[in-house]
Amino acid sequence: MFNKQSFRGNGKLLLTGEYFVLDGVPGIALPTKFGQSLTIMDNFMSDLQMTSFDKHHEPWFTGSYTLPDLMKMTSSSDKIGHRFYQILKAARELNPNFLNNFEGKIAVTHLDFPRNWGLGTSSTLIYTMAKWAEVDPFDLLKKTFGGSGYDIACASADGPIIYAKKEDGQHFNPCKFSPFFKNNLYFVFLEKKQNSREGIARYKEKVTPDSPLIDDMIGLSYAMGSADDLADFEECIVKHEKLIAKTLELERAKDLYFKDYWGEVKSLGAWGGDFVLVTSEESEEKTRAYFLEKGFPVFLKYEEMILERD
């Protein structure tokens, strides 16, 4: 009998608390409308065949693994193939019954955002693979890529969340972040990929768990989440950006690329990398034209990017 299973995970953006979430600071995390799906089908061969498709339905990875020993047979990329192998083996460790027979499977992933956008190609894969393997996605993350886990929380969220990583595990709850001024908020893609591991290492060098900066960041997260108007929100952005800039000894994205911009610019996640959030009281057309002229054509409205509860 032919069986088919489907799983999906949302992408992610971290609005507040970047890096500091590693030390338990609550951060506002925003699941995106963009994500990744995983479809599992029966395979008449006794192996696991994996194919990953990008936004344009072009395959960017293919690989096959023998069952039940999960040894790699063929792969279009040794690096990516080994990553898949690590995930499969970790899932087996968490659930010894996972793929532990000769019943072949076909696994197909589909991204609905460009891979270089940094919205969570890895985290959505971990989440969907965990659901397939019937294991805890946070446990699978810990055994594979590591990290704070906010991206895994976003994968299943139906709207913004407050996320905190504590000693006893991950804590996340729905957040009422849905500012009435969201029509003044946009996302701009910088296309300057950063190494998040380097950023984390830099943070760890500068901040200890008992640093007073942690209390400052907690206050800023809550202030930004409860801002009454755009002016208050922009003030929070400036304070948040200056705190991170001073802590990591890095320049703000606004100072680097948009010194003459009339609104504010907020980095999201690894500093200087993928998307930034920008504010504007000018028209959408004028705001879009500014960033296009600066060489940043990927410009999305808040409602186009962020998944919100009904």
C-alpha atoms as a PDB file:
ATOM      1  CA  MET A   1       0.000   0.000   0.000  1.00  0.00           C
ATOM      2  CA  PHE A   2       1.332   3.447  -0.990  1.00  0.00           C
ATOM      3  CA  ASN A   3       1.903   5.801   1.957  1.00  0.00           C
ATOM      4  CA  LYS A   4       2.607   9.499   1.931  1.00  0.00           C
ATOM      5  CA  GLN A   5       3.430  11.887   4.782  1.00  0.00           C
ATOM      6  CA  SER A   6       3.926  15.647   4.678  1.00  0.00           C
ATOM      7  CA  PHE A   7       5.485  18.054   7.178  1.00  0.00           C
ATOM      8  CA  ARG A   8       6.207  21.778   7.078  1.00  0.00           C
ATOM      9  CA  GLY A   9       8.232  24.261   9.125  1.00  0.00           C
ATOM     10  CA  ASN A  10       8.144  28.069   9.121  1.00  0.00           C
ATOM     11  CA  GLY A  11      11.186  30.226   8.575  1.00  0.00           C
ATOM     12  CA  LYS A  12      12.354  32.622  11.287  1.00  0.00           C
ATOM     13  CA  LEU A  13      13.559  36.103  12.140  1.00  0.00           C
ATOM     14  CA  LEU A  14      14.768  37.264  15.556  1.00  0.00           C
ATOM     15  CA  LEU A  15      13.573  40.791  16.304  1.00  0.00           C
ATOM     16  CA  THR A  16      15.174  41.328  19.721  1.00  0.00           C
ATOM     17  CA  GLY A  17      17.871  39.800  21.882  1.00  0.00           C
ATOM     18  CA  GLU A  18      20.192  38.456  19.189  1.00  0.00           C
ATOM     19  CA  TYR A  19      23.155  36.620  20.759  1.00  0.00           C
ATOM     20  CA  PHE A  20      21.786  37.430  24.239  1.00  0.00           C
ATOM     21  CA  VAL A  21      19.150  34.684  23.853  1.00  0.00           C
ATOM     22  CA  LEU A  22      22.030  32.262  24.411  1.00  0.00           C
ATOM     23  CA  ASP A  23      22.152  33.511  28.010  1.00  0.00           C
ATOM     24  CA  GLY A  24      18.428  33.196  28.632  1.00  0.00           C
ATOM     25  CA  VAL A  25      17.345  36.685  27.611  1.00  0.00           C
ATOM     26  CA  PRO A  26      13.755  36.577  26.279  1.00  0.00           C
ATOM     27  CA  GLY A  27      13.650  37.560  22.628  1.00  0.00           C
ATOM     28  CA  ILE A  28      10.811  38.381  20.272  1.00  0.00           C
ATOM     29  CA  ALA A  29      10.930  35.804  17.483  1.00  0.00           C
ATOM     30  CA  LEU A  30       8.900  36.113  14.294  1.00  0.00           C
ATOM     31  CA  PRO A  31       7.914  33.070  12.204  1.00  0.00           C
ATOM     32  CA  THR A  32       7.793  33.833   8.506  1.00  0.00           C
ATOM     33  CA  LYS A  33       5.238  32.954   5.884  1.00  0.00           C
ATOM     34  CA  PHE A  34       8.113  31.376   3.987  1.00  0.00           C
ATOM     35  CA  GLY A  35       9.269  27.911   5.014  1.00  0.00           C
ATOM     36  CA  GLN A  36      10.204  24.410   3.913  1.00  0.00           C
ATOM     37  CA  SER A  37       8.188  21.229   3.428  1.00  0.00           C
ATOM     38  CA  LEU A  38       9.198  17.585   3.642  1.00  0.00           C
ATOM     39  CA  THR A  39       7.251  14.861   1.845  1.00  0.00           C
ATOM     40  CA  ILE A  40       7.865  11.164   2.505  1.00  0.00           C
ATOM     41  CA  MET A  41       6.789   8.442   0.068  1.00  0.00           C
ATOM     42  CA  ASP A  42       7.365   4.725  -0.214  1.00  0.00           C
ATOM     43  CA  ASN A  43      10.285   3.569  -2.326  1.00  0.00           C
ATOM     44  CA  PHE A  44      10.216   0.196  -4.070  1.00  0.00           C
ATOM     45  CA  MET A  45      14.000   0.063  -3.620  1.00  0.00           C
ATOM     46  CA  SER A  46      15.323  -0.795  -0.151  1.00  0.00           C
ATOM     47  CA  ASP A  47      17.126   2.500   0.378  1.00  0.00           C
ATOM     48  CA  LEU A  48      16.405   6.113   1.297  1.00  0.00           C
ATOM     49  CA  GLN A  49      16.513   8.546  -1.608  1.00  0.00           C
ATOM     50  CA  MET A  50      16.593  12.260  -0.777  1.00  0.00           C
ATOM     51  CA  THR A  51      16.047  15.204  -3.097  1.00  0.00           C
ATOM     52  CA  SER A  52      15.938  18.871  -2.095  1.00  0.00           C
ATOM     53  CA  PHE A  53      14.325  21.469  -4.347  1.00  0.00           C
ATOM     54  CA  ASP A  54      14.792  25.214  -4.156  1.00  0.00           C
ATOM     55  CA  LYS A  55      12.225  27.984  -4.599  1.00  0.00           C
ATOM     56  CA  HIS A  56      12.388  27.592  -8.380  1.00  0.00           C
ATOM     57  CA  HIS A  57      11.765  23.817  -8.166  1.00  0.00           C
ATOM     58  CA  GLU A  58      15.364  23.117  -9.156  1.00  0.00           C
ATOM     59  CA  PRO A  59      17.146  20.322  -7.247  1.00  0.00           C
ATOM     60  CA  TRP A  60      20.050  21.573  -5.155  1.00  0.00           C
ATOM     61  CA  PHE A  61      20.846  18.270  -3.468  1.00  0.00           C
ATOM     62  CA  THR A  62      20.340  14.573  -4.179  1.00  0.00           C
ATOM     63  CA  GLY A  63      21.562  11.666  -2.124  1.00  0.00           C
ATOM     64  CA  SER A  64      20.825   8.075  -1.235  1.00  0.00           C
ATOM     65  CA  TYR A  65      21.471   6.044   1.915  1.00  0.00           C
ATOM     66  CA  THR A  66      21.268   2.301   2.513  1.00  0.00           C
ATOM     67  CA  LEU A  67      18.768   0.916   4.997  1.00  0.00           C
ATOM     68  CA  PRO A  68      18.756   0.029   7.765  1.00  0.00           C
ATOM     69  CA  ASP A  69      22.448   0.905   8.341  1.00  0.00           C
ATOM     70  CA  LEU A  70      22.015   4.491   6.965  1.00  0.00           C
ATOM     71  CA  MET A  71      25.331   4.447   5.130  1.00  0.00           C
ATOM     72  CA  LYS A  72      25.714   7.042   2.370  1.00  0.00           C
ATOM     73  CA  MET A  73      25.698   5.570  -1.131  1.00  0.00           C
ATOM     74  CA  THR A  74      25.706   8.532  -3.500  1.00  0.00           C
ATOM     75  CA  SER A  75      25.498  12.286  -3.051  1.00  0.00           C
ATOM     76  CA  SER A  76      25.601  15.388  -5.239  1.00  0.00           C
ATOM     77  CA  SER A  77      27.539  17.172  -2.474  1.00  0.00           C
ATOM     78  CA  ASP A  78      29.808  15.493   0.050  1.00  0.00           C
ATOM     79  CA  LYS A  79      29.357  18.318   2.566  1.00  0.00           C
ATOM     80  CA  ILE A  80      25.557  18.418   2.377  1.00  0.00           C
ATOM     81  CA  GLY A  81      25.360  14.651   2.107  1.00  0.00           C
ATOM     82  CA  HIS A  82      27.319  14.307   5.331  1.00  0.00           C
ATOM     83  CA  ARG A  83      25.002  16.815   7.025  1.00  0.00           C
ATOM     84  CA  PHE A  84      21.969  14.755   6.055  1.00  0.00           C
ATOM     85  CA  TYR A  85      23.791  11.659   7.298  1.00  0.00           C
ATOM     86  CA  GLN A  86      24.407  13.347  10.680  1.00  0.00           C
ATOM     87  CA  ILE A  87      20.726  14.256  10.969  1.00  0.00           C
ATOM     88  CA  LEU A  88      19.591  10.740  10.068  1.00  0.00           C
ATOM     89  CA  LYS A  89      21.987   9.117  12.539  1.00  0.00           C
ATOM     90  CA  ALA A  90      21.022  11.552  15.310  1.00  0.00           C
ATOM     91  CA  ALA A  91      17.331  10.882  14.681  1.00  0.00           C
ATOM     92  CA  ARG A  92      18.040   7.130  14.875  1.00  0.00           C
ATOM     93  CA  GLU A  93      19.829   7.642  18.211  1.00  0.00           C
ATOM     94  CA  LEU A  94      16.761   9.450  19.546  1.00  0.00           C
ATOM     95  CA  ASN A  95      14.326   6.933  18.074  1.00  0.00           C
ATOM     96  CA  PRO A  96      15.925   3.508  17.446  1.00  0.00           C
ATOM     97  CA  ASN A  97      12.902   2.472  15.362  1.00  0.00           C
ATOM     98  CA  PHE A  98      13.424   5.270  12.805  1.00  0.00           C
ATOM     99  CA  LEU A  99      14.156   3.762   9.364  1.00  0.00           C
ATOM    100  CA  ASN A 100      15.301   0.597  11.135  1.00  0.00           C
ATOM    101  CA  ASN A 101      14.172  -1.833   8.447  1.00  0.00           C
ATOM    102  CA  PHE A 102      14.532  -2.528   4.729  1.00  0.00           C
ATOM    103  CA  GLU A 103      11.440  -0.538   3.711  1.00  0.00           C
ATOM    104  CA  GLY A 104      12.757   2.092   1.293  1.00  0.00           C
ATOM    105  CA  LYS A 105      11.637   5.706   1.401  1.00  0.00           C
ATOM    106  CA  ILE A 106      11.747   8.750  -0.848  1.00  0.00           C
ATOM    107  CA  ALA A 107      12.192  12.057   1.000  1.00  0.00           C
ATOM    108  CA  VAL A 108      11.611  15.302  -0.885  1.00  0.00           C
ATOM    109  CA  THR A 109      12.113  18.807   0.539  1.00  0.00           C
ATOM    110  CA  HIS A 110      10.841  22.028  -1.022  1.00  0.00           C
ATOM    111  CA  LEU A 111      11.931  25.535  -0.022  1.00  0.00           C
ATOM    112  CA  ASP A 112       9.583  28.422  -0.786  1.00  0.00           C
ATOM    113  CA  PHE A 113      12.277  31.075  -0.214  1.00  0.00           C
ATOM    114  CA  PRO A 114      15.721  31.518  -1.814  1.00  0.00           C
ATOM    115  CA  ARG A 115      18.385  29.542   0.047  1.00  0.00           C
ATOM    116  CA  ASN A 116      20.576  32.620   0.570  1.00  0.00           C
ATOM    117  CA  TRP A 117      17.854  34.542   2.418  1.00  0.00           C
ATOM    118  CA  GLY A 118      18.880  33.006   5.724  1.00  0.00           C
ATOM    119  CA  LEU A 119      15.329  32.333   6.919  1.00  0.00           C
ATOM    120  CA  GLY A 120      16.123  28.850   8.161  1.00  0.00           C
ATOM    121  CA  THR A 121      16.999  26.245   5.529  1.00  0.00           C
ATOM    122  CA  SER A 122      18.654  24.184   8.272  1.00  0.00           C
ATOM    123  CA  SER A 123      16.171  24.810  11.082  1.00  0.00           C
ATOM    124  CA  THR A 124      13.127  23.975   8.952  1.00  0.00           C
ATOM    125  CA  LEU A 125      14.892  20.804   7.814  1.00  0.00           C
ATOM    126  CA  ILE A 126      15.667  19.803  11.415  1.00  0.00           C
ATOM    127  CA  TYR A 127      12.079  20.487  12.444  1.00  0.00           C
ATOM    128  CA  THR A 128      10.484  18.511   9.608  1.00  0.00           C
ATOM    129  CA  MET A 129      12.944  15.633   9.927  1.00  0.00           C
ATOM    130  CA  ALA A 130      12.206  15.458  13.665  1.00  0.00           C
ATOM    131  CA  LYS A 131       8.486  15.298  12.979  1.00  0.00           C
ATOM    132  CA  TRP A 132       9.038  12.477  10.501  1.00  0.00           C
ATOM    133  CA  ALA A 133      11.278  10.591  12.941  1.00  0.00           C
ATOM    134  CA  GLU A 134       8.854  11.252  15.814  1.00  0.00           C
ATOM    135  CA  VAL A 135      11.534  12.832  18.016  1.00  0.00           C
ATOM    136  CA  ASP A 136      11.810  16.141  19.840  1.00  0.00           C
ATOM    137  CA  PRO A 137      13.095  18.742  17.332  1.00  0.00           C
ATOM    138  CA  PHE A 138      15.057  20.541  20.076  1.00  0.00           C
ATOM    139  CA  ASP A 139      16.838  17.289  20.930  1.00  0.00           C
ATOM    140  CA  LEU A 140      17.632  16.747  17.258  1.00  0.00           C
ATOM    141  CA  LEU A 141      18.951  20.306  16.978  1.00  0.00           C
ATOM    142  CA  LYS A 142      21.186  19.769  20.002  1.00  0.00           C
ATOM    143  CA  LYS A 143      22.665  16.616  18.442  1.00  0.00           C
ATOM    144  CA  THR A 144      23.292  18.288  15.071  1.00  0.00           C
ATOM    145  CA  PHE A 145      23.607  22.035  14.444  1.00  0.00           C
ATOM    146  CA  GLY A 146      23.202  23.393  17.975  1.00  0.00           C
ATOM    147  CA  GLY A 147      22.151  26.989  18.708  1.00  0.00           C
ATOM    148  CA  SER A 148      19.637  28.782  20.875  1.00  0.00           C
ATOM    149  CA  GLY A 149      16.619  26.947  19.419  1.00  0.00           C
ATOM    150  CA  TYR A 150      14.454  29.995  18.699  1.00  0.00           C
ATOM    151  CA  ASP A 151      14.406  28.998  15.043  1.00  0.00           C
ATOM    152  CA  ILE A 152      12.973  25.577  15.929  1.00  0.00           C
ATOM    153  CA  ALA A 153      10.297  27.259  18.058  1.00  0.00           C
ATOM    154  CA  CYS A 154       9.376  29.483  15.092  1.00  0.00           C
ATOM    155  CA  ALA A 155       9.067  26.457  12.807  1.00  0.00           C
ATOM    156  CA  SER A 156       5.846  25.377  14.529  1.00  0.00           C
ATOM    157  CA  ALA A 157       4.545  28.764  15.736  1.00  0.00           C
ATOM    158  CA  ASP A 158       1.391  30.299  14.282  1.00  0.00           C
ATOM    159  CA  GLY A 159       2.512  33.856  15.074  1.00  0.00           C
ATOM    160  CA  PRO A 160       5.139  35.880  16.983  1.00  0.00           C
ATOM    161  CA  ILE A 161       6.522  34.341  20.156  1.00  0.00           C
ATOM    162  CA  ILE A 162       8.583  35.295  23.196  1.00  0.00           C
ATOM    163  CA  TYR A 163      11.426  32.803  23.351  1.00  0.00           C
ATOM    164  CA  ALA A 164      13.837  32.116  26.207  1.00  0.00           C
ATOM    165  CA  LYS A 165      16.446  29.397  26.567  1.00  0.00           C
ATOM    166  CA  LYS A 166      16.761  28.304  30.188  1.00  0.00           C
ATOM    167  CA  GLU A 167      18.718  25.596  32.012  1.00  0.00           C
ATOM    168  CA  ASP A 168      15.606  23.425  32.175  1.00  0.00           C
ATOM    169  CA  GLY A 169      14.899  23.773  28.465  1.00  0.00           C
ATOM    170  CA  GLN A 170      13.239  26.089  25.965  1.00  0.00           C
ATOM    171  CA  HIS A 171      10.393  28.364  26.988  1.00  0.00           C
ATOM    172  CA  PHE A 172       8.251  30.038  24.350  1.00  0.00           C
ATOM    173  CA  ASN A 173       4.780  31.474  24.388  1.00  0.00           C
ATOM    174  CA  PRO A 174       2.565  33.402  21.972  1.00  0.00           C
ATOM    175  CA  CYS A 175       3.389  37.085  21.860  1.00  0.00           C
ATOM    176  CA  LYS A 176       0.888  39.822  21.076  1.00  0.00           C
ATOM    177  CA  PHE A 177       3.415  41.618  18.894  1.00  0.00           C
ATOM    178  CA  SER A 178       1.311  43.039  16.080  1.00  0.00           C
ATOM    179  CA  PRO A 179       2.014  46.772  16.068  1.00  0.00           C
ATOM    180  CA  PHE A 180      -0.632  49.007  14.565  1.00  0.00           C
ATOM    181  CA  PHE A 181       2.224  50.772  12.745  1.00  0.00           C
ATOM    182  CA  LYS A 182       3.326  47.578  10.956  1.00  0.00           C
ATOM    183  CA  ASN A 183       2.523  49.241   7.626  1.00  0.00           C
ATOM    184  CA  ASN A 184       5.583  51.375   8.405  1.00  0.00           C
ATOM    185  CA  LEU A 185       7.811  48.302   8.764  1.00  0.00           C
ATOM    186  CA  TYR A 186       9.680  46.590   5.934  1.00  0.00           C
ATOM    187  CA  PHE A 187      12.367  43.946   5.465  1.00  0.00           C
ATOM    188  CA  VAL A 188      15.410  44.526   3.267  1.00  0.00           C
ATOM    189  CA  PHE A 189      17.802  41.770   2.214  1.00  0.00           C
ATOM    190  CA  LEU A 190      21.462  42.748   2.565  1.00  0.00           C
ATOM    191  CA  GLU A 191      22.806  39.581   0.876  1.00  0.00           C
ATOM    192  CA  LYS A 192      25.900  39.703   3.072  1.00  0.00           C
ATOM    193  CA  LYS A 193      25.947  36.258   4.677  1.00  0.00           C
ATOM    194  CA  GLN A 194      27.590  36.141   8.084  1.00  0.00           C
ATOM    195  CA  ASN A 195      29.077  33.210   9.952  1.00  0.00           C
ATOM    196  CA  SER A 196      26.799  32.888  12.982  1.00  0.00           C
ATOM    197  CA  ARG A 197      29.376  30.758  14.790  1.00  0.00           C
ATOM    198  CA  GLU A 198      31.901  33.601  14.571  1.00  0.00           C
ATOM    199  CA  GLY A 199      29.331  36.055  15.892  1.00  0.00           C
ATOM    200  CA  ILE A 200      28.490  33.765  18.803  1.00  0.00           C
ATOM    201  CA  ALA A 201      32.183  33.307  19.634  1.00  0.00           C
ATOM    202  CA  ARG A 202      32.665  37.075  19.608  1.00  0.00           C
ATOM    203  CA  TYR A 203      29.678  37.522  21.902  1.00  0.00           C
ATOM    204  CA  LYS A 204      30.950  34.868  24.333  1.00  0.00           C
ATOM    205  CA  GLU A 205      34.265  36.703  24.568  1.00  0.00           C
ATOM    206  CA  LYS A 206      32.543  39.955  25.521  1.00  0.00           C
ATOM    207  CA  VAL A 207      29.600  38.929  27.714  1.00  0.00           C
ATOM    208  CA  THR A 208      29.474  36.777  30.839  1.00  0.00           C
ATOM    209  CA  PRO A 209      26.227  35.309  32.227  1.00  0.00           C
ATOM    210  CA  ASP A 210      26.292  37.826  35.110  1.00  0.00           C
ATOM    211  CA  SER A 211      26.889  40.864  32.890  1.00  0.00           C
ATOM    212  CA  PRO A 212      24.647  43.907  33.589  1.00  0.00           C
ATOM    213  CA  LEU A 213      24.180  44.107  29.814  1.00  0.00           C
ATOM    214  CA  ILE A 214      21.829  41.128  30.085  1.00  0.00           C
ATOM    215  CA  ASP A 215      19.380  43.110  32.226  1.00  0.00           C
ATOM    216  CA  ASP A 216      19.632  45.998  29.759  1.00  0.00           C
ATOM    217  CA  MET A 217      18.741  43.690  26.891  1.00  0.00           C
ATOM    218  CA  ILE A 218      15.809  42.166  28.783  1.00  0.00           C
ATOM    219  CA  GLY A 219      14.412  45.657  29.292  1.00  0.00           C
ATOM    220  CA  LEU A 220      14.856  46.534  25.625  1.00  0.00           C
ATOM    221  CA  SER A 221      13.102  43.360  24.446  1.00  0.00           C
ATOM    222  CA  TYR A 222      10.033  44.146  26.506  1.00  0.00           C
ATOM    223  CA  ALA A 223      10.109  47.835  25.601  1.00  0.00           C
ATOM    224  CA  MET A 224      10.235  47.092  21.885  1.00  0.00           C
ATOM    225  CA  GLY A 225       7.429  44.564  22.168  1.00  0.00           C
ATOM    226  CA  SER A 226       5.156  47.058  23.924  1.00  0.00           C
ATOM    227  CA  ALA A 227       6.038  50.243  22.032  1.00  0.00           C
ATOM    228  CA  ASP A 228       2.941  52.453  21.742  1.00  0.00           C
ATOM    229  CA  ASP A 229       3.878  54.155  18.501  1.00  0.00           C
ATOM    230  CA  LEU A 230       6.485  54.201  15.748  1.00  0.00           C
ATOM    231  CA  ALA A 231       8.586  56.871  17.468  1.00  0.00           C
ATOM    232  CA  ASP A 232       8.886  54.745  20.631  1.00  0.00           C
ATOM    233  CA  PHE A 233       9.667  51.686  18.537  1.00  0.00           C
ATOM    234  CA  GLU A 234      12.402  53.547  16.656  1.00  0.00           C
ATOM    235  CA  GLU A 235      13.891  54.760  19.931  1.00  0.00           C
ATOM    236  CA  CYS A 236      14.074  51.154  21.099  1.00  0.00           C
ATOM    237  CA  ILE A 237      15.753  50.151  17.832  1.00  0.00           C
ATOM    238  CA  VAL A 238      18.466  52.771  18.305  1.00  0.00           C
ATOM    239  CA  LYS A 239      19.139  51.676  21.894  1.00  0.00           C
ATOM    240  CA  HIS A 240      19.131  47.994  20.923  1.00  0.00           C
ATOM    241  CA  GLU A 241      21.494  48.536  17.994  1.00  0.00           C
ATOM    242  CA  LYS A 242      23.892  50.682  20.032  1.00  0.00           C
ATOM    243  CA  LEU A 243      24.012  48.091  22.809  1.00  0.00           C
ATOM    244  CA  ILE A 244      24.892  45.286  20.390  1.00  0.00           C
ATOM    245  CA  ALA A 245      27.341  47.497  18.489  1.00  0.00           C
ATOM    246  CA  LYS A 246      29.168  48.472  21.681  1.00  0.00           C
ATOM    247  CA  THR A 247      29.149  44.898  23.006  1.00  0.00           C
ATOM    248  CA  LEU A 248      30.516  43.268  19.844  1.00  0.00           C
ATOM    249  CA  GLU A 249      32.562  46.289  18.704  1.00  0.00           C
ATOM    250  CA  LEU A 250      30.819  46.269  15.341  1.00  0.00           C
ATOM    251  CA  GLU A 251      29.231  48.992  13.250  1.00  0.00           C
ATOM    252  CA  ARG A 252      25.482  49.259  12.863  1.00  0.00           C
ATOM    253  CA  ALA A 253      24.012  48.329   9.493  1.00  0.00           C
ATOM    254  CA  LYS A 254      22.609  51.861   9.198  1.00  0.00           C
ATOM    255  CA  ASP A 255      26.054  53.391   9.672  1.00  0.00           C
ATOM    256  CA  LEU A 256      27.571  50.980   7.171  1.00  0.00           C
ATOM    257  CA  TYR A 257      25.038  51.217   4.344  1.00  0.00           C
ATOM    258  CA  PHE A 258      22.267  53.743   4.990  1.00  0.00           C
ATOM    259  CA  LYS A 259      23.685  56.812   6.767  1.00  0.00           C
ATOM    260  CA  ASP A 260      21.346  59.145   4.890  1.00  0.00           C
ATOM    261  CA  TYR A 261      18.206  57.047   5.492  1.00  0.00           C
ATOM    262  CA  TRP A 262      15.332  58.884   7.176  1.00  0.00           C
ATOM    263  CA  GLY A 263      14.061  55.902   9.206  1.00  0.00           C
ATOM    264  CA  GLU A 264      15.720  53.373  11.482  1.00  0.00           C
ATOM    265  CA  VAL A 265      17.433  50.079  10.619  1.00  0.00           C
ATOM    266  CA  LYS A 266      17.409  47.014  12.881  1.00  0.00           C
ATOM    267  CA  SER A 267      19.683  44.014  12.302  1.00  0.00           C
ATOM    268  CA  LEU A 268      18.054  40.607  12.711  1.00  0.00           C
ATOM    269  CA  GLY A 269      20.012  37.620  13.971  1.00  0.00           C
ATOM    270  CA  ALA A 270      23.701  37.446  12.997  1.00  0.00           C
ATOM    271  CA  TRP A 271      24.805  41.052  12.659  1.00  0.00           C
ATOM    272  CA  GLY A 272      25.551  42.468   9.240  1.00  0.00           C
ATOM    273  CA  GLY A 273      24.034  39.487   7.487  1.00  0.00           C
ATOM    274  CA  ASP A 274      20.779  38.565   5.869  1.00  0.00           C
ATOM    275  CA  PHE A 275      17.698  40.740   6.484  1.00  0.00           C
ATOM    276  CA  VAL A 276      17.276  44.001   8.328  1.00  0.00           C
ATOM    277  CA  LEU A 277      14.014  45.546   9.482  1.00  0.00           C
ATOM    278  CA  VAL A 278      13.564  49.170   8.443  1.00  0.00           C
ATOM    279  CA  THR A 279      11.025  51.781   9.501  1.00  0.00           C
ATOM    280  CA  SER A 280       9.577  54.498   7.308  1.00  0.00           C
ATOM    281  CA  GLU A 281       6.896  57.160   7.500  1.00  0.00           C
ATOM    282  CA  GLU A 282       7.339  57.840   3.791  1.00  0.00           C
ATOM    283  CA  SER A 283       5.330  56.001   1.134  1.00  0.00           C
ATOM    284  CA  GLU A 284       6.107  52.416   0.274  1.00  0.00           C
ATOM    285  CA  GLU A 285       7.118  53.517  -3.222  1.00  0.00           C
ATOM    286  CA  LYS A 286       9.605  56.130  -1.995  1.00  0.00           C
ATOM    287  CA  THR A 287      11.043  53.761   0.606  1.00  0.00           C
ATOM    288  CA  ARG A 288      11.423  50.910  -1.885  1.00  0.00           C
ATOM    289  CA  ALA A 289      13.080  53.265  -4.383  1.00  0.00           C
ATOM    290  CA  TYR A 290      15.639  54.367  -1.773  1.00  0.00           C
ATOM    291  CA  PHE A 291      16.853  50.830  -1.135  1.00  0.00           C
ATOM    292  CA  LEU A 292      16.752  49.912  -4.821  1.00  0.00           C
ATOM    293  CA  GLU A 293      18.994  52.885  -5.596  1.00  0.00           C
ATOM    294  CA  LYS A 294      21.379  51.707  -2.875  1.00  0.00           C
ATOM    295  CA  GLY A 295      21.596  48.301  -4.561  1.00  0.00           C
ATOM    296  CA  PHE A 296      19.198  46.325  -2.350  1.00  0.00           C
ATOM    297  CA  PRO A 297      16.266  45.215  -4.527  1.00  0.00           C
ATOM    298  CA  VAL A 298      14.739  42.604  -2.188  1.00  0.00           C
ATOM    299  CA  PHE A 299      12.215  44.639  -0.216  1.00  0.00           C
ATOM    300  CA  LEU A 300       9.224  43.064   1.525  1.00  0.00           C
ATOM    301  CA  LYS A 301       6.328  44.536   3.448  1.00  0.00           C
ATOM    302  CA  TYR A 302       5.751  43.300   7.006  1.00  0.00           C
ATOM    303  CA  GLU A 303       2.555  41.512   5.987  1.00  0.00           C
ATOM    304  CA  GLU A 304       4.385  39.745   3.140  1.00  0.00           C
ATOM    305  CA  MET A 305       7.039  38.329   5.464  1.00  0.00           C
ATOM    306  CA  ILE A 306       5.594  37.674   8.925  1.00  0.00           C
ATOM    307  CA  LEU A 307       3.105  34.976   9.883  1.00  0.00           C
ATOM    308  CA  GLU A 308       0.428  36.412  12.179  1.00  0.00           C
ATOM    309  CA  ARG A 309      -2.422  34.854  14.083  1.00  0.00           C
ATOM    310  CA  ASP A 310      -5.934  35.449  12.806  1.00  0.00           C
END
